[in-house]
Structures are given as C-alpha cells and as structure tokens.
Amino acid sequence: EPSALRQADVTVLFADLVGFTSASQELSPAGVARLLD
C-alpha cells in the first residue's frame, strides 16, 4: 500500500557537483544536460 512505511537501518548518500550553478551559466542548455548526464 502507498504510504505504508517499513522501518529500516540504512546509510544515506548525497553527492552533488561543486560549482554547478556557476558552470551552468557558461553552458548552453545542451551543455548543461551533457554535464548532468
């Protein structure tokens, strides 16, 4: 069922690109898409 949560013990990972906002100002939308891909 949706919203039926099960308890679990996990490790969560977050990773992000450093300086993405600045870099994306210099790129075309296609360039941003290639970078993210």
All heavy atoms as atom14 arrays in JSON, in Angstrom:
{
  "sequence": "EPSALRQADVTVLFADLVGFTSASQELSPAGVARLLD",
  "atom14_mask": [
    [1, 1, 1, 1, 1, 1, 1, 1, 1, 0, 0, 0, 0, 0],
    [1, 1, 1, 1, 1, 1, 1, 0, 0, 0, 0, 0, 0, 0],
    [1, 1, 1, 1, 1, 1, 0, 0, 0, 0, 0, 0, 0, 0],
    [1, 1, 1, 1, 1, 0, 0, 0, 0, 0, 0, 0, 0, 0],
    [1, 1, 1, 1, 1, 1, 1, 1, 0, 0, 0, 0, 0, 0],
    [1, 1, 1, 1, 1, 1, 1, 1, 1, 1, 1, 0, 0, 0],
    [1, 1, 1, 1, 1, 1, 1, 1, 1, 0, 0, 0, 0, 0],
    [1, 1, 1, 1, 1, 0, 0, 0, 0, 0, 0, 0, 0, 0],
    [1, 1, 1, 1, 1, 1, 1, 1, 0, 0, 0, 0, 0, 0],
    [1, 1, 1, 1, 1, 1, 1, 0, 0, 0, 0, 0, 0, 0],
    [1, 1, 1, 1, 1, 1, 1, 0, 0, 0, 0, 0, 0, 0],
    [1, 1, 1, 1, 1, 1, 1, 0, 0, 0, 0, 0, 0, 0],
    [1, 1, 1, 1, 1, 1, 1, 1, 0, 0, 0, 0, 0, 0],
    [1, 1, 1, 1, 1, 1, 1, 1, 1, 1, 1, 0, 0, 0],
    [1, 1, 1, 1, 1, 0, 0, 0, 0, 0, 0, 0, 0, 0],
    [1, 1, 1, 1, 1, 1, 1, 1, 0, 0, 0, 0, 0, 0],
    [1, 1, 1, 1, 1, 1, 1, 1, 0, 0, 0, 0, 0, 0],
    [1, 1, 1, 1, 1, 1, 1, 0, 0, 0, 0, 0, 0, 0],
    [1, 1, 1, 1, 0, 0, 0, 0, 0, 0, 0, 0, 0, 0],
    [1, 1, 1, 1, 1, 1, 1, 1, 1, 1, 1, 0, 0, 0],
    [1, 1, 1, 1, 1, 1, 1, 0, 0, 0, 0, 0, 0, 0],
    [1, 1, 1, 1, 1, 1, 0, 0, 0, 0, 0, 0, 0, 0],
    [1, 1, 1, 1, 1, 0, 0, 0, 0, 0, 0, 0, 0, 0],
    [1, 1, 1, 1, 1, 1, 0, 0, 0, 0, 0, 0, 0, 0],
    [1, 1, 1, 1, 1, 1, 1, 1, 1, 0, 0, 0, 0, 0],
    [1, 1, 1, 1, 1, 1, 1, 1, 1, 0, 0, 0, 0, 0],
    [1, 1, 1, 1, 1, 1, 1, 1, 0, 0, 0, 0, 0, 0],
    [1, 1, 1, 1, 1, 1, 0, 0, 0, 0, 0, 0, 0, 0],
    [1, 1, 1, 1, 1, 1, 1, 0, 0, 0, 0, 0, 0, 0],
    [1, 1, 1, 1, 1, 0, 0, 0, 0, 0, 0, 0, 0, 0],
    [1, 1, 1, 1, 0, 0, 0, 0, 0, 0, 0, 0, 0, 0],
    [1, 1, 1, 1, 1, 1, 1, 0, 0, 0, 0, 0, 0, 0],
    [1, 1, 1, 1, 1, 0, 0, 0, 0, 0, 0, 0, 0, 0],
    [1, 1, 1, 1, 1, 1, 1, 1, 1, 1, 1, 0, 0, 0],
    [1, 1, 1, 1, 1, 1, 1, 1, 0, 0, 0, 0, 0, 0],
    [1, 1, 1, 1, 1, 1, 1, 1, 0, 0, 0, 0, 0, 0],
    [1, 1, 1, 1, 1, 1, 1, 1, 0, 0, 0, 0, 0, 0]
  ],
  "atom14_positions": [
    [[0.83, -1.19, 0.0], [0.0, 0.0, 0.0], [0.87, 1.25, 0.0], [1.86, 1.32, 0.71], [-0.87, 0.03, 1.26], [-1.87, -1.1, 1.33], [-2.68, -1.01, 2.6], [-2.83, 0.1, 3.15], [-3.16, -2.05, 3.06], [0.0, 0.0, 0.0], [0.0, 0.0, 0.0], [0.0, 0.0, 0.0], [0.0, 0.0, 0.0], [0.0, 0.0, 0.0]],
    [[0.5, 2.28, -0.8], [1.23, 3.53, -0.72], [1.2, 4.08, 0.7], [0.24, 3.89, 1.43], [0.46, 4.45, -1.68], [-0.23, 3.52, -2.62], [-0.55, 2.3, -1.81], [0.0, 0.0, 0.0], [0.0, 0.0, 0.0], [0.0, 0.0, 0.0], [0.0, 0.0, 0.0], [0.0, 0.0, 0.0], [0.0, 0.0, 0.0], [0.0, 0.0, 0.0]],
    [[2.26, 4.74, 1.09], [2.43, 5.36, 2.4], [2.56, 4.36, 3.54], [2.62, 4.76, 4.69], [1.29, 6.34, 2.71], [1.27, 7.36, 1.74], [0.0, 0.0, 0.0], [0.0, 0.0, 0.0], [0.0, 0.0, 0.0], [0.0, 0.0, 0.0], [0.0, 0.0, 0.0], [0.0, 0.0, 0.0], [0.0, 0.0, 0.0], [0.0, 0.0, 0.0]],
    [[2.62, 3.06, 3.27], [2.87, 2.08, 4.32], [4.38, 1.97, 4.48], [5.06, 1.37, 3.65], [2.26, 0.73, 3.96], [0.0, 0.0, 0.0], [0.0, 0.0, 0.0], [0.0, 0.0, 0.0], [0.0, 0.0, 0.0], [0.0, 0.0, 0.0], [0.0, 0.0, 0.0], [0.0, 0.0, 0.0], [0.0, 0.0, 0.0], [0.0, 0.0, 0.0]],
    [[4.92, 2.59, 5.54], [6.37, 2.63, 5.72], [6.85, 1.42, 6.5], [6.22, 0.98, 7.45], [6.78, 3.91, 6.46], [6.51, 5.23, 5.76], [7.0, 6.37, 6.63], [7.17, 5.27, 4.41], [0.0, 0.0, 0.0], [0.0, 0.0, 0.0], [0.0, 0.0, 0.0], [0.0, 0.0, 0.0], [0.0, 0.0, 0.0], [0.0, 0.0, 0.0]],
    [[8.01, 0.93, 6.09], [8.69, -0.12, 6.83], [9.94, 0.48, 7.43], [10.66, 1.23, 6.78], [9.08, -1.27, 5.9], [7.91, -2.06, 5.41], [8.39, -3.27, 4.67], [7.25, -4.08, 4.3], [7.34, -5.24, 3.71], [8.52, -5.74, 3.41], [6.26, -5.92, 3.39], [0.0, 0.0, 0.0], [0.0, 0.0, 0.0], [0.0, 0.0, 0.0]],
    [[10.21, 0.12, 8.67], [11.41, 0.6, 9.33], [12.63, -0.12, 8.76], [12.58, -1.31, 8.47], [11.32, 0.37, 10.84], [10.2, 1.16, 11.51], [10.36, 2.65, 11.32], [11.41, 3.22, 11.61], [9.32, 3.31, 10.82], [0.0, 0.0, 0.0], [0.0, 0.0, 0.0], [0.0, 0.0, 0.0], [0.0, 0.0, 0.0], [0.0, 0.0, 0.0]],
    [[13.71, 0.6, 8.6], [14.95, 0.03, 8.1], [16.13, 0.79, 8.69], [16.0, 1.94, 9.1], [14.99, 0.09, 6.57], [0.0, 0.0, 0.0], [0.0, 0.0, 0.0], [0.0, 0.0, 0.0], [0.0, 0.0, 0.0], [0.0, 0.0, 0.0], [0.0, 0.0, 0.0], [0.0, 0.0, 0.0], [0.0, 0.0, 0.0], [0.0, 0.0, 0.0]],
    [[17.26, 0.13, 8.74], [18.52, 0.76, 9.14], [19.36, 0.88, 7.88], [19.65, -0.14, 7.23], [19.22, -0.1, 10.19], [20.45, 0.58, 10.73], [20.3, 1.63, 11.37], [21.57, 0.08, 10.49], [0.0, 0.0, 0.0], [0.0, 0.0, 0.0], [0.0, 0.0, 0.0], [0.0, 0.0, 0.0], [0.0, 0.0, 0.0], [0.0, 0.0, 0.0]],
    [[19.71, 2.09, 7.5], [20.37, 2.33, 6.21], [21.51, 3.33, 6.35], [21.66, 3.98, 7.39], [19.37, 2.87, 5.16], [18.18, 1.96, 4.98], [18.93, 4.29, 5.48], [0.0, 0.0, 0.0], [0.0, 0.0, 0.0], [0.0, 0.0, 0.0], [0.0, 0.0, 0.0], [0.0, 0.0, 0.0], [0.0, 0.0, 0.0], [0.0, 0.0, 0.0]],
    [[22.27, 3.44, 5.29], [23.2, 4.55, 5.12], [22.74, 5.33, 3.89], [22.54, 4.75, 2.83], [24.65, 4.07, 4.95], [25.05, 3.39, 6.14], [25.59, 5.24, 4.71], [0.0, 0.0, 0.0], [0.0, 0.0, 0.0], [0.0, 0.0, 0.0], [0.0, 0.0, 0.0], [0.0, 0.0, 0.0], [0.0, 0.0, 0.0], [0.0, 0.0, 0.0]],
    [[22.57, 6.63, 4.08], [22.11, 7.52, 3.01], [23.32, 8.25, 2.43], [24.2, 8.7, 3.18], [21.09, 8.54, 3.55], [20.63, 9.49, 2.45], [19.9, 7.82, 4.17], [0.0, 0.0, 0.0], [0.0, 0.0, 0.0], [0.0, 0.0, 0.0], [0.0, 0.0, 0.0], [0.0, 0.0, 0.0], [0.0, 0.0, 0.0], [0.0, 0.0, 0.0]],
    [[23.36, 8.35, 1.11], [24.43, 9.05, 0.4], [23.84, 10.2, -0.38], [22.86, 10.02, -1.1], [25.12, 8.07, -0.55], [26.23, 8.58, -1.46], [27.21, 7.46, -1.78], [25.72, 9.19, -2.76], [0.0, 0.0, 0.0], [0.0, 0.0, 0.0], [0.0, 0.0, 0.0], [0.0, 0.0, 0.0], [0.0, 0.0, 0.0], [0.0, 0.0, 0.0]],
    [[24.42, 11.38, -0.2], [24.12, 12.54, -1.04], [25.42, 12.94, -1.73], [26.47, 13.01, -1.09], [23.61, 13.73, -0.22], [22.15, 13.7, 0.07], [21.68, 13.07, 1.2], [21.23, 14.29, -0.78], [20.32, 13.02, 1.49], [19.88, 14.25, -0.51], [19.42, 13.63, 0.63], [0.0, 0.0, 0.0], [0.0, 0.0, 0.0], [0.0, 0.0, 0.0]],
    [[25.35, 13.19, -3.03], [26.51, 13.68, -3.78], [26.04, 14.76, -4.72], [24.99, 14.63, -5.36], [27.16, 12.53, -4.57], [0.0, 0.0, 0.0], [0.0, 0.0, 0.0], [0.0, 0.0, 0.0], [0.0, 0.0, 0.0], [0.0, 0.0, 0.0], [0.0, 0.0, 0.0], [0.0, 0.0, 0.0], [0.0, 0.0, 0.0], [0.0, 0.0, 0.0]],
    [[26.82, 15.85, -4.78], [26.45, 16.9, -5.74], [27.69, 17.49, -6.38], [28.8, 17.33, -5.91], [25.58, 17.98, -5.09], [26.36, 19.07, -4.39], [27.41, 18.75, -3.81], [25.93, 20.23, -4.43], [0.0, 0.0, 0.0], [0.0, 0.0, 0.0], [0.0, 0.0, 0.0], [0.0, 0.0, 0.0], [0.0, 0.0, 0.0], [0.0, 0.0, 0.0]],
    [[27.45, 18.15, -7.5], [28.52, 18.8, -8.24], [28.87, 20.13, -7.58], [27.99, 20.93, -7.27], [28.09, 19.06, -9.69], [27.99, 17.84, -10.58], [27.3, 18.19, -11.89], [29.36, 17.24, -10.84], [0.0, 0.0, 0.0], [0.0, 0.0, 0.0], [0.0, 0.0, 0.0], [0.0, 0.0, 0.0], [0.0, 0.0, 0.0], [0.0, 0.0, 0.0]],
    [[30.14, 20.36, -7.37], [30.63, 21.62, -6.8], [30.69, 22.65, -7.93], [31.2, 22.37, -9.01], [32.02, 21.44, -6.17], [32.57, 22.77, -5.66], [31.97, 20.42, -5.05], [0.0, 0.0, 0.0], [0.0, 0.0, 0.0], [0.0, 0.0, 0.0], [0.0, 0.0, 0.0], [0.0, 0.0, 0.0], [0.0, 0.0, 0.0], [0.0, 0.0, 0.0]],
    [[30.15, 23.83, -7.68], [30.22, 24.91, -8.67], [29.29, 24.74, -9.85], [29.5, 25.36, -10.9], [0.0, 0.0, 0.0], [0.0, 0.0, 0.0], [0.0, 0.0, 0.0], [0.0, 0.0, 0.0], [0.0, 0.0, 0.0], [0.0, 0.0, 0.0], [0.0, 0.0, 0.0], [0.0, 0.0, 0.0], [0.0, 0.0, 0.0], [0.0, 0.0, 0.0]],
    [[28.24, 23.94, -9.7], [27.35, 23.68, -10.83], [26.65, 24.95, -11.3], [26.53, 25.19, -12.51], [26.32, 22.61, -10.46], [25.29, 22.4, -11.52], [25.6, 21.71, -12.68], [24.0, 22.9, -11.37], [24.66, 21.51, -13.68], [23.05, 22.7, -12.37], [23.39, 22.01, -13.51], [0.0, 0.0, 0.0], [0.0, 0.0, 0.0], [0.0, 0.0, 0.0]],
    [[26.18, 25.76, -10.38], [25.45, 26.98, -10.75], [26.33, 27.89, -11.6], [25.89, 28.4, -12.64], [24.94, 27.71, -9.51], [24.11, 26.81, -8.76], [24.13, 28.94, -9.88], [0.0, 0.0, 0.0], [0.0, 0.0, 0.0], [0.0, 0.0, 0.0], [0.0, 0.0, 0.0], [0.0, 0.0, 0.0], [0.0, 0.0, 0.0], [0.0, 0.0, 0.0]],
    [[27.57, 28.08, -11.16], [28.49, 28.93, -11.94], [28.79, 28.32, -13.3], [28.8, 29.01, -14.32], [29.8, 29.12, -11.18], [29.55, 29.77, -9.96], [0.0, 0.0, 0.0], [0.0, 0.0, 0.0], [0.0, 0.0, 0.0], [0.0, 0.0, 0.0], [0.0, 0.0, 0.0], [0.0, 0.0, 0.0], [0.0, 0.0, 0.0], [0.0, 0.0, 0.0]],
    [[29.05, 27.01, -13.31], [29.38, 26.34, -14.58], [28.21, 26.4, -15.56], [28.41, 26.59, -16.76], [29.77, 24.89, -14.31], [0.0, 0.0, 0.0], [0.0, 0.0, 0.0], [0.0, 0.0, 0.0], [0.0, 0.0, 0.0], [0.0, 0.0, 0.0], [0.0, 0.0, 0.0], [0.0, 0.0, 0.0], [0.0, 0.0, 0.0], [0.0, 0.0, 0.0]],
    [[26.99, 26.27, -15.05], [25.84, 26.23, -15.95], [25.58, 27.58, -16.61], [24.95, 27.64, -17.67], [24.59, 25.74, -15.21], [24.24, 26.63, -14.18], [0.0, 0.0, 0.0], [0.0, 0.0, 0.0], [0.0, 0.0, 0.0], [0.0, 0.0, 0.0], [0.0, 0.0, 0.0], [0.0, 0.0, 0.0], [0.0, 0.0, 0.0], [0.0, 0.0, 0.0]],
    [[26.08, 28.67, -16.01], [25.93, 29.98, -16.64], [26.74, 30.09, -17.92], [26.42, 30.88, -18.8], [26.38, 31.08, -15.67], [25.49, 31.23, -14.47], [26.0, 32.29, -13.51], [26.53, 33.32, -13.94], [25.84, 32.05, -12.23], [0.0, 0.0, 0.0], [0.0, 0.0, 0.0], [0.0, 0.0, 0.0], [0.0, 0.0, 0.0], [0.0, 0.0, 0.0]],
    [[27.81, 29.3, -18.01], [28.71, 29.35, -19.16], [28.32, 28.35, -20.24], [28.91, 28.34, -21.31], [30.15, 29.05, -18.71], [30.64, 29.91, -17.57], [30.68, 31.39, -17.92], [31.05, 31.71, -19.07], [30.35, 32.21, -17.06], [0.0, 0.0, 0.0], [0.0, 0.0, 0.0], [0.0, 0.0, 0.0], [0.0, 0.0, 0.0], [0.0, 0.0, 0.0]],
    [[27.33, 27.49, -19.95], [26.98, 26.41, -20.88], [25.62, 26.65, -21.52], [24.75, 27.29, -20.93], [26.94, 25.07, -20.13], [28.25, 24.58, -19.51], [27.99, 23.37, -18.63], [29.26, 24.25, -20.61], [0.0, 0.0, 0.0], [0.0, 0.0, 0.0], [0.0, 0.0, 0.0], [0.0, 0.0, 0.0], [0.0, 0.0, 0.0], [0.0, 0.0, 0.0]],
    [[25.44, 26.07, -22.68], [24.12, 26.05, -23.31], [23.26, 25.03, -22.56], [23.79, 24.2, -21.81], [24.25, 25.64, -24.77], [24.67, 24.28, -24.84], [0.0, 0.0, 0.0], [0.0, 0.0, 0.0], [0.0, 0.0, 0.0], [0.0, 0.0, 0.0], [0.0, 0.0, 0.0], [0.0, 0.0, 0.0], [0.0, 0.0, 0.0], [0.0, 0.0, 0.0]],
    [[21.94, 25.05, -22.75], [21.11, 24.02, -22.14], [21.57, 22.6, -22.5], [21.58, 21.71, -21.66], [19.71, 24.32, -22.68], [19.73, 25.8, -22.91], [21.12, 26.1, -23.39], [0.0, 0.0, 0.0], [0.0, 0.0, 0.0], [0.0, 0.0, 0.0], [0.0, 0.0, 0.0], [0.0, 0.0, 0.0], [0.0, 0.0, 0.0], [0.0, 0.0, 0.0]],
    [[22.0, 22.41, -23.75], [22.5, 21.09, -24.15], [23.79, 20.75, -23.41], [24.02, 19.59, -23.03], [22.74, 21.06, -25.66], [0.0, 0.0, 0.0], [0.0, 0.0, 0.0], [0.0, 0.0, 0.0], [0.0, 0.0, 0.0], [0.0, 0.0, 0.0], [0.0, 0.0, 0.0], [0.0, 0.0, 0.0], [0.0, 0.0, 0.0], [0.0, 0.0, 0.0]],
    [[24.63, 21.75, -23.18], [25.86, 21.54, -22.42], [25.58, 21.17, -20.98], [26.26, 20.32, -20.39], [0.0, 0.0, 0.0], [0.0, 0.0, 0.0], [0.0, 0.0, 0.0], [0.0, 0.0, 0.0], [0.0, 0.0, 0.0], [0.0, 0.0, 0.0], [0.0, 0.0, 0.0], [0.0, 0.0, 0.0], [0.0, 0.0, 0.0], [0.0, 0.0, 0.0]],
    [[24.59, 21.84, -20.38], [24.18, 21.5, -19.01], [23.67, 20.07, -18.96], [24.03, 19.29, -18.05], [23.11, 22.49, -18.49], [22.55, 22.02, -17.14], [23.68, 23.89, -18.36], [0.0, 0.0, 0.0], [0.0, 0.0, 0.0], [0.0, 0.0, 0.0], [0.0, 0.0, 0.0], [0.0, 0.0, 0.0], [0.0, 0.0, 0.0], [0.0, 0.0, 0.0]],
    [[22.87, 19.7, -19.94], [22.33, 18.33, -19.98], [23.46, 17.31, -20.11], [23.44, 16.27, -19.43], [21.35, 18.19, -21.14], [0.0, 0.0, 0.0], [0.0, 0.0, 0.0], [0.0, 0.0, 0.0], [0.0, 0.0, 0.0], [0.0, 0.0, 0.0], [0.0, 0.0, 0.0], [0.0, 0.0, 0.0], [0.0, 0.0, 0.0], [0.0, 0.0, 0.0]],
    [[24.46, 17.59, -20.95], [25.6, 16.65, -21.1], [26.38, 16.54, -19.8], [26.78, 15.44, -19.41], [26.51, 17.11, -22.24], [25.99, 16.75, -23.62], [27.06, 16.97, -24.7], [27.52, 18.36, -24.77], [26.91, 19.31, -25.47], [25.82, 19.02, -26.17], [27.39, 20.53, -25.49], [0.0, 0.0, 0.0], [0.0, 0.0, 0.0], [0.0, 0.0, 0.0]],
    [[26.58, 17.65, -19.13], [27.3, 17.65, -17.85], [26.57, 16.79, -16.82], [27.17, 15.94, -16.16], [27.45, 19.09, -17.34], [28.15, 19.27, -16.01], [29.64, 19.06, -16.16], [27.87, 20.66, -15.46], [0.0, 0.0, 0.0], [0.0, 0.0, 0.0], [0.0, 0.0, 0.0], [0.0, 0.0, 0.0], [0.0, 0.0, 0.0], [0.0, 0.0, 0.0]],
    [[25.26, 17.02, -16.7], [24.47, 16.24, -15.74], [24.41, 14.77, -16.13], [24.51, 13.89, -15.26], [23.06, 16.82, -15.61], [22.97, 18.16, -14.9], [21.55, 18.7, -14.97], [23.44, 18.05, -13.45], [0.0, 0.0, 0.0], [0.0, 0.0, 0.0], [0.0, 0.0, 0.0], [0.0, 0.0, 0.0], [0.0, 0.0, 0.0], [0.0, 0.0, 0.0]],
    [[24.26, 14.49, -17.42], [24.24, 13.1, -17.87], [25.52, 12.38, -17.49], [25.5, 11.23, -17.04], [24.03, 13.01, -19.38], [22.6, 13.28, -19.81], [21.71, 13.33, -18.94], [22.37, 13.45, -21.02], [0.0, 0.0, 0.0], [0.0, 0.0, 0.0], [0.0, 0.0, 0.0], [0.0, 0.0, 0.0], [0.0, 0.0, 0.0], [0.0, 0.0, 0.0]]
  ]
}
